Amino acid sequence: MTDTELRAESFEIAWKYLDQSGLLTGEHKEAARFILNRIDRMMLRGERRRLLLSNAAIDAYRMRPQLVTLSA
């Protein structure tokens, strides 16, 4: 499996889980960027286990700081 395939499959697993569980919030483009960034950073460190990549991305997304909009 190539790195491109590994990245795509890991992203798809994470995305499907977050989408089906109702955890995807806000702008989908930003959510995708966040998930891919997490997967990319782990791959740069040598990680090649698909489920570990996707699960780490899911955990990072779930724990990310939420932006709060204060109304005046």
PDB file of N, CA and C in Angstrom:
ATOM      1  N   MET A   1       0.848  -1.174   0.000  1.00  0.00           N
ATOM      2  CA  MET A   1       0.000   0.000   0.000  1.00  0.00           C
ATOM      3  C   MET A   1       0.898   1.243   0.000  1.00  0.00           C
ATOM      4  N   THR A   2       0.578   2.174  -0.874  1.00  0.00           N
ATOM      5  CA  THR A   2       1.365   3.403  -0.947  1.00  0.00           C
ATOM      6  C   THR A   2       0.973   4.353   0.187  1.00  0.00           C
ATOM      7  N   ASP A   3       1.813   5.340   0.438  1.00  0.00           N
ATOM      8  CA  ASP A   3       1.496   6.337   1.459  1.00  0.00           C
ATOM      9  C   ASP A   3       0.214   7.092   1.118  1.00  0.00           C
ATOM     10  N   THR A   4       0.000   7.363  -0.149  1.00  0.00           N
ATOM     11  CA  THR A   4      -1.207   8.070  -0.583  1.00  0.00           C
ATOM     12  C   THR A   4      -2.449   7.249  -0.280  1.00  0.00           C
ATOM     13  N   GLU A   5      -2.388   5.954  -0.546  1.00  0.00           N
ATOM     14  CA  GLU A   5      -3.514   5.062  -0.250  1.00  0.00           C
ATOM     15  C   GLU A   5      -3.747   4.948   1.254  1.00  0.00           C
ATOM     16  N   LEU A   6      -2.660   4.817   2.003  1.00  0.00           N
ATOM     17  CA  LEU A   6      -2.746   4.726   3.456  1.00  0.00           C
ATOM     18  C   LEU A   6      -3.392   5.984   4.038  1.00  0.00           C
ATOM     19  N   ARG A   7      -2.951   7.132   3.549  1.00  0.00           N
ATOM     20  CA  ARG A   7      -3.506   8.419   4.006  1.00  0.00           C
ATOM     21  C   ARG A   7      -4.999   8.498   3.697  1.00  0.00           C
ATOM     22  N   ALA A   8      -5.366   8.131   2.483  1.00  0.00           N
ATOM     23  CA  ALA A   8      -6.768   8.206   2.059  1.00  0.00           C
ATOM     24  C   ALA A   8      -7.647   7.243   2.863  1.00  0.00           C
ATOM     25  N   GLU A   9      -7.185   6.026   3.065  1.00  0.00           N
ATOM     26  CA  GLU A   9      -7.971   5.040   3.813  1.00  0.00           C
ATOM     27  C   GLU A   9      -8.104   5.440   5.275  1.00  0.00           C
ATOM     28  N   SER A  10      -7.039   5.940   5.867  1.00  0.00           N
ATOM     29  CA  SER A  10      -7.088   6.380   7.260  1.00  0.00           C
ATOM     30  C   SER A  10      -8.058   7.546   7.411  1.00  0.00           C
ATOM     31  N   PHE A  11      -8.000   8.476   6.471  1.00  0.00           N
ATOM     32  CA  PHE A  11      -8.920   9.612   6.499  1.00  0.00           C
ATOM     33  C   PHE A  11     -10.368   9.141   6.366  1.00  0.00           C
ATOM     34  N   GLU A  12     -10.618   8.246   5.436  1.00  0.00           N
ATOM     35  CA  GLU A  12     -11.981   7.770   5.203  1.00  0.00           C
ATOM     36  C   GLU A  12     -12.559   7.079   6.441  1.00  0.00           C
ATOM     37  N   ILE A  13     -11.759   6.280   7.115  1.00  0.00           N
ATOM     38  CA  ILE A  13     -12.214   5.612   8.338  1.00  0.00           C
ATOM     39  C   ILE A  13     -12.581   6.658   9.388  1.00  0.00           C
ATOM     40  N   ALA A  14     -11.690   7.623   9.606  1.00  0.00           N
ATOM     41  CA  ALA A  14     -11.942   8.656  10.611  1.00  0.00           C
ATOM     42  C   ALA A  14     -13.173   9.480  10.243  1.00  0.00           C
ATOM     43  N   TRP A  15     -13.260   9.891   8.981  1.00  0.00           N
ATOM     44  CA  TRP A  15     -14.376  10.731   8.532  1.00  0.00           C
ATOM     45  C   TRP A  15     -15.721  10.025   8.700  1.00  0.00           C
ATOM     46  N   LYS A  16     -15.779   8.769   8.255  1.00  0.00           N
ATOM     47  CA  LYS A  16     -17.031   8.012   8.372  1.00  0.00           C
ATOM     48  C   LYS A  16     -17.460   7.872   9.825  1.00  0.00           C
ATOM     49  N   TYR A  17     -16.510   7.551  10.691  1.00  0.00           N
ATOM     50  CA  TYR A  17     -16.845   7.399  12.099  1.00  0.00           C
ATOM     51  C   TYR A  17     -17.386   8.713  12.674  1.00  0.00           C
ATOM     52  N   LEU A  18     -16.662   9.804  12.447  1.00  0.00           N
ATOM     53  CA  LEU A  18     -17.083  11.089  12.998  1.00  0.00           C
ATOM     54  C   LEU A  18     -18.417  11.543  12.420  1.00  0.00           C
ATOM     55  N   ASP A  19     -18.619  11.293  11.135  1.00  0.00           N
ATOM     56  CA  ASP A  19     -19.868  11.688  10.488  1.00  0.00           C
ATOM     57  C   ASP A  19     -21.042  10.874  11.020  1.00  0.00           C
ATOM     58  N   GLN A  20     -20.889   9.563  11.067  1.00  0.00           N
ATOM     59  CA  GLN A  20     -21.970   8.685  11.517  1.00  0.00           C
ATOM     60  C   GLN A  20     -22.289   8.849  12.997  1.00  0.00           C
ATOM     61  N   SER A  21     -21.310   9.277  13.770  1.00  0.00           N
ATOM     62  CA  SER A  21     -21.542   9.459  15.204  1.00  0.00           C
ATOM     63  C   SER A  21     -22.071  10.859  15.522  1.00  0.00           C
ATOM     64  N   GLY A  22     -22.151  11.699  14.500  1.00  0.00           N
ATOM     65  CA  GLY A  22     -22.662  13.053  14.705  1.00  0.00           C
ATOM     66  C   GLY A  22     -21.653  14.004  15.328  1.00  0.00           C
ATOM     67  N   LEU A  23     -20.392  13.627  15.335  1.00  0.00           N
ATOM     68  CA  LEU A  23     -19.365  14.460  15.954  1.00  0.00           C
ATOM     69  C   LEU A  23     -18.773  15.515  15.022  1.00  0.00           C
ATOM     70  N   LEU A  24     -19.028  15.403  13.721  1.00  0.00           N
ATOM     71  CA  LEU A  24     -18.521  16.415  12.793  1.00  0.00           C
ATOM     72  C   LEU A  24     -19.313  17.701  12.992  1.00  0.00           C
ATOM     73  N   THR A  25     -18.615  18.748  13.320  1.00  0.00           N
ATOM     74  CA  THR A  25     -19.276  20.026  13.546  1.00  0.00           C
ATOM     75  C   THR A  25     -18.576  21.107  12.736  1.00  0.00           C
ATOM     76  N   GLY A  26     -19.283  22.179  12.499  1.00  0.00           N
ATOM     77  CA  GLY A  26     -18.673  23.305  11.816  1.00  0.00           C
ATOM     78  C   GLY A  26     -18.440  23.043  10.341  1.00  0.00           C
ATOM     79  N   GLU A  27     -17.482  23.763   9.805  1.00  0.00           N
ATOM     80  CA  GLU A  27     -17.139  23.702   8.385  1.00  0.00           C
ATOM     81  C   GLU A  27     -16.434  22.380   8.064  1.00  0.00           C
ATOM     82  N   HIS A  28     -16.975  21.622   7.129  1.00  0.00           N
ATOM     83  CA  HIS A  28     -16.389  20.319   6.784  1.00  0.00           C
ATOM     84  C   HIS A  28     -14.991  20.450   6.197  1.00  0.00           C
ATOM     85  N   LYS A  29     -14.732  21.529   5.482  1.00  0.00           N
ATOM     86  CA  LYS A  29     -13.402  21.720   4.898  1.00  0.00           C
ATOM     87  C   LYS A  29     -12.346  21.844   6.001  1.00  0.00           C
ATOM     88  N   GLU A  30     -12.677  22.584   7.045  1.00  0.00           N
ATOM     89  CA  GLU A  30     -11.743  22.742   8.160  1.00  0.00           C
ATOM     90  C   GLU A  30     -11.586  21.438   8.939  1.00  0.00           C
ATOM     91  N   ALA A  31     -12.684  20.700   9.097  1.00  0.00           N
ATOM     92  CA  ALA A  31     -12.615  19.412   9.788  1.00  0.00           C
ATOM     93  C   ALA A  31     -11.719  18.450   9.009  1.00  0.00           C
ATOM     94  N   ALA A  32     -11.871  18.416   7.694  1.00  0.00           N
ATOM     95  CA  ALA A  32     -11.042  17.540   6.860  1.00  0.00           C
ATOM     96  C   ALA A  32      -9.575  17.927   6.974  1.00  0.00           C
ATOM     97  N   ARG A  33      -9.300  19.217   6.956  1.00  0.00           N
ATOM     98  CA  ARG A  33      -7.926  19.701   7.087  1.00  0.00           C
ATOM     99  C   ARG A  33      -7.333  19.265   8.434  1.00  0.00           C
ATOM    100  N   PHE A  34      -8.118  19.383   9.497  1.00  0.00           N
ATOM    101  CA  PHE A  34      -7.663  19.004  10.833  1.00  0.00           C
ATOM    102  C   PHE A  34      -7.316  17.513  10.873  1.00  0.00           C
ATOM    103  N   ILE A  35      -8.206  16.689  10.364  1.00  0.00           N
ATOM    104  CA  ILE A  35      -8.008  15.235  10.380  1.00  0.00           C
ATOM    105  C   ILE A  35      -6.779  14.847   9.550  1.00  0.00           C
ATOM    106  N   LEU A  36      -6.670  15.392   8.354  1.00  0.00           N
ATOM    107  CA  LEU A  36      -5.529  15.075   7.499  1.00  0.00           C
ATOM    108  C   LEU A  36      -4.217  15.553   8.104  1.00  0.00           C
ATOM    109  N   ASN A  37      -4.250  16.700   8.758  1.00  0.00           N
ATOM    110  CA  ASN A  37      -3.040  17.218   9.393  1.00  0.00           C
ATOM    111  C   ASN A  37      -2.540  16.247  10.455  1.00  0.00           C
ATOM    112  N   ARG A  38      -3.451  15.720  11.242  1.00  0.00           N
ATOM    113  CA  ARG A  38      -3.072  14.767  12.291  1.00  0.00           C
ATOM    114  C   ARG A  38      -2.488  13.490  11.670  1.00  0.00           C
ATOM    115  N   ILE A  39      -3.143  12.972  10.641  1.00  0.00           N
ATOM    116  CA  ILE A  39      -2.652  11.768   9.961  1.00  0.00           C
ATOM    117  C   ILE A  39      -1.283  12.032   9.343  1.00  0.00           C
ATOM    118  N   ASP A  40      -1.125  13.164   8.677  1.00  0.00           N
ATOM    119  CA  ASP A  40       0.151  13.504   8.032  1.00  0.00           C
ATOM    120  C   ASP A  40       1.291  13.596   9.046  1.00  0.00           C
ATOM    121  N   ARG A  41       1.037  14.241  10.183  1.00  0.00           N
ATOM    122  CA  ARG A  41       2.094  14.375  11.192  1.00  0.00           C
ATOM    123  C   ARG A  41       2.539  13.013  11.708  1.00  0.00           C
ATOM    124  N   MET A  42       1.602  12.112  11.900  1.00  0.00           N
ATOM    125  CA  MET A  42       1.966  10.779  12.378  1.00  0.00           C
ATOM    126  C   MET A  42       2.725   9.996  11.307  1.00  0.00           C
ATOM    127  N   MET A  43       2.303  10.150  10.068  1.00  0.00           N
ATOM    128  CA  MET A  43       2.998   9.448   8.982  1.00  0.00           C
ATOM    129  C   MET A  43       4.423   9.969   8.816  1.00  0.00           C
ATOM    130  N   LEU A  44       4.615  11.259   9.015  1.00  0.00           N
ATOM    131  CA  LEU A  44       5.964  11.828   8.928  1.00  0.00           C
ATOM    132  C   LEU A  44       6.887  11.257  10.002  1.00  0.00           C
ATOM    133  N   ARG A  45       6.309  10.834  11.115  1.00  0.00           N
ATOM    134  CA  ARG A  45       7.091  10.209  12.187  1.00  0.00           C
ATOM    135  C   ARG A  45       7.262   8.711  11.976  1.00  0.00           C
ATOM    136  N   GLY A  46       6.694   8.184  10.878  1.00  0.00           N
ATOM    137  CA  GLY A  46       6.919   6.786  10.534  1.00  0.00           C
ATOM    138  C   GLY A  46       5.767   5.837  10.801  1.00  0.00           C
ATOM    139  N   GLU A  47       4.658   6.351  11.310  1.00  0.00           N
ATOM    140  CA  GLU A  47       3.521   5.472  11.603  1.00  0.00           C
ATOM    141  C   GLU A  47       2.881   4.995  10.303  1.00  0.00           C
ATOM    142  N   ARG A  48       2.618   3.694  10.195  1.00  0.00           N
ATOM    143  CA  ARG A  48       2.018   3.130   8.989  1.00  0.00           C
ATOM    144  C   ARG A  48       0.836   2.210   9.293  1.00  0.00           C
ATOM    145  N   ARG A  49       0.394   2.180  10.528  1.00  0.00           N
ATOM    146  CA  ARG A  49      -0.765   1.344  10.884  1.00  0.00           C
ATOM    147  C   ARG A  49      -2.041   2.155  10.673  1.00  0.00           C
ATOM    148  N   ARG A  50      -2.837   1.722   9.717  1.00  0.00           N
ATOM    149  CA  ARG A  50      -4.034   2.449   9.282  1.00  0.00           C
ATOM    150  C   ARG A  50      -5.001   2.754  10.421  1.00  0.00           C
ATOM    151  N   LEU A  51      -5.316   1.768  11.236  1.00  0.00           N
ATOM    152  CA  LEU A  51      -6.275   1.994  12.316  1.00  0.00           C
ATOM    153  C   LEU A  51      -5.712   2.903  13.398  1.00  0.00           C
ATOM    154  N   LEU A  52      -4.428   2.820  13.651  1.00  0.00           N
ATOM    155  CA  LEU A  52      -3.837   3.718  14.630  1.00  0.00           C
ATOM    156  C   LEU A  52      -3.899   5.158  14.111  1.00  0.00           C
ATOM    157  N   LEU A  53      -3.625   5.348  12.825  1.00  0.00           N
ATOM    158  CA  LEU A  53      -3.707   6.682  12.232  1.00  0.00           C
ATOM    159  C   LEU A  53      -5.124   7.240  12.319  1.00  0.00           C
ATOM    160  N   SER A  54      -6.099   6.431  11.946  1.00  0.00           N
ATOM    161  CA  SER A  54      -7.487   6.918  11.947  1.00  0.00           C
ATOM    162  C   SER A  54      -7.988   7.137  13.371  1.00  0.00           C
ATOM    163  N   ASN A  55      -7.677   6.241  14.289  1.00  0.00           N
ATOM    164  CA  ASN A  55      -8.132   6.407  15.669  1.00  0.00           C
ATOM    165  C   ASN A  55      -7.494   7.617  16.340  1.00  0.00           C
ATOM    166  N   ALA A  56      -6.236   7.863  16.065  1.00  0.00           N
ATOM    167  CA  ALA A  56      -5.568   9.039  16.633  1.00  0.00           C
ATOM    168  C   ALA A  56      -6.185  10.326  16.083  1.00  0.00           C
ATOM    169  N   ALA A  57      -6.530  10.315  14.800  1.00  0.00           N
ATOM    170  CA  ALA A  57      -7.170  11.483  14.202  1.00  0.00           C
ATOM    171  C   ALA A  57      -8.553  11.710  14.814  1.00  0.00           C
ATOM    172  N   ILE A  58      -9.288  10.633  15.059  1.00  0.00           N
ATOM    173  CA  ILE A  58     -10.610  10.736  15.691  1.00  0.00           C
ATOM    174  C   ILE A  58     -10.463  11.318  17.095  1.00  0.00           C
ATOM    175  N   ASP A  59      -9.536  10.769  17.866  1.00  0.00           N
ATOM    176  CA  ASP A  59      -9.333  11.259  19.235  1.00  0.00           C
ATOM    177  C   ASP A  59      -8.921  12.726  19.247  1.00  0.00           C
ATOM    178  N   ALA A  60      -8.018  13.103  18.362  1.00  0.00           N
ATOM    179  CA  ALA A  60      -7.572  14.494  18.302  1.00  0.00           C
ATOM    180  C   ALA A  60      -8.731  15.416  17.926  1.00  0.00           C
ATOM    181  N   TYR A  61      -9.561  14.985  16.998  1.00  0.00           N
ATOM    182  CA  TYR A  61     -10.706  15.803  16.587  1.00  0.00           C
ATOM    183  C   TYR A  61     -11.692  15.961  17.746  1.00  0.00           C
ATOM    184  N   ARG A  62     -11.939  14.895  18.451  1.00  0.00           N
ATOM    185  CA  ARG A  62     -12.877  14.944  19.576  1.00  0.00           C
ATOM    186  C   ARG A  62     -12.372  15.839  20.701  1.00  0.00           C
ATOM    187  N   MET A  63     -11.069  15.920  20.876  1.00  0.00           N
ATOM    188  CA  MET A  63     -10.493  16.699  21.982  1.00  0.00           C
ATOM    189  C   MET A  63     -10.047  18.097  21.568  1.00  0.00           C
ATOM    190  N   ARG A  64     -10.214  18.456  20.299  1.00  0.00           N
ATOM    191  CA  ARG A  64      -9.733  19.762  19.851  1.00  0.00           C
ATOM    192  C   ARG A  64     -10.507  20.877  20.557  1.00  0.00           C
ATOM    193  N   PRO A  65      -9.847  22.002  20.738  1.00  0.00           N
ATOM    194  CA  PRO A  65     -10.548  23.128  21.364  1.00  0.00           C
ATOM    195  C   PRO A  65     -11.701  23.609  20.474  1.00  0.00           C
ATOM    196  N   GLN A  66     -12.806  23.856  21.085  1.00  0.00           N
ATOM    197  CA  GLN A  66     -13.969  24.353  20.345  1.00  0.00           C
ATOM    198  C   GLN A  66     -13.910  25.878  20.314  1.00  0.00           C
ATOM    199  N   LEU A  67     -14.155  26.443  19.138  1.00  0.00           N
ATOM    200  CA  LEU A  67     -14.242  27.888  19.031  1.00  0.00           C
ATOM    201  C   LEU A  67     -15.608  28.329  19.531  1.00  0.00           C
ATOM    202  N   VAL A  68     -15.608  29.300  20.384  1.00  0.00           N
ATOM    203  CA  VAL A  68     -16.863  29.782  20.974  1.00  0.00           C
ATOM    204  C   VAL A  68     -17.134  31.185  20.432  1.00  0.00           C
ATOM    205  N   THR A  69     -18.328  31.359  19.906  1.00  0.00           N
ATOM    206  CA  THR A  69     -18.727  32.666  19.424  1.00  0.00           C
ATOM    207  C   THR A  69     -19.615  33.306  20.487  1.00  0.00           C
ATOM    208  N   LEU A  70     -19.173  34.438  20.973  1.00  0.00           N
ATOM    209  CA  LEU A  70     -19.941  35.148  21.987  1.00  0.00           C
ATOM    210  C   LEU A  70     -20.858  36.151  21.306  1.00  0.00           C
ATOM    211  N   SER A  71     -22.119  36.108  21.664  1.00  0.00           N
ATOM    212  CA  SER A  71     -23.037  37.093  21.087  1.00  0.00           C
ATOM    213  C   SER A  71     -23.063  38.327  21.988  1.00  0.00           C
ATOM    214  N   ALA A  72     -23.156  39.465  21.337  1.00  0.00           N
ATOM    215  CA  ALA A  72     -23.097  40.744  22.073  1.00  0.00           C
ATOM    216  C   ALA A  72     -24.402  41.052  22.749  1.00  0.00           C
TER     217      ALA A  72
END
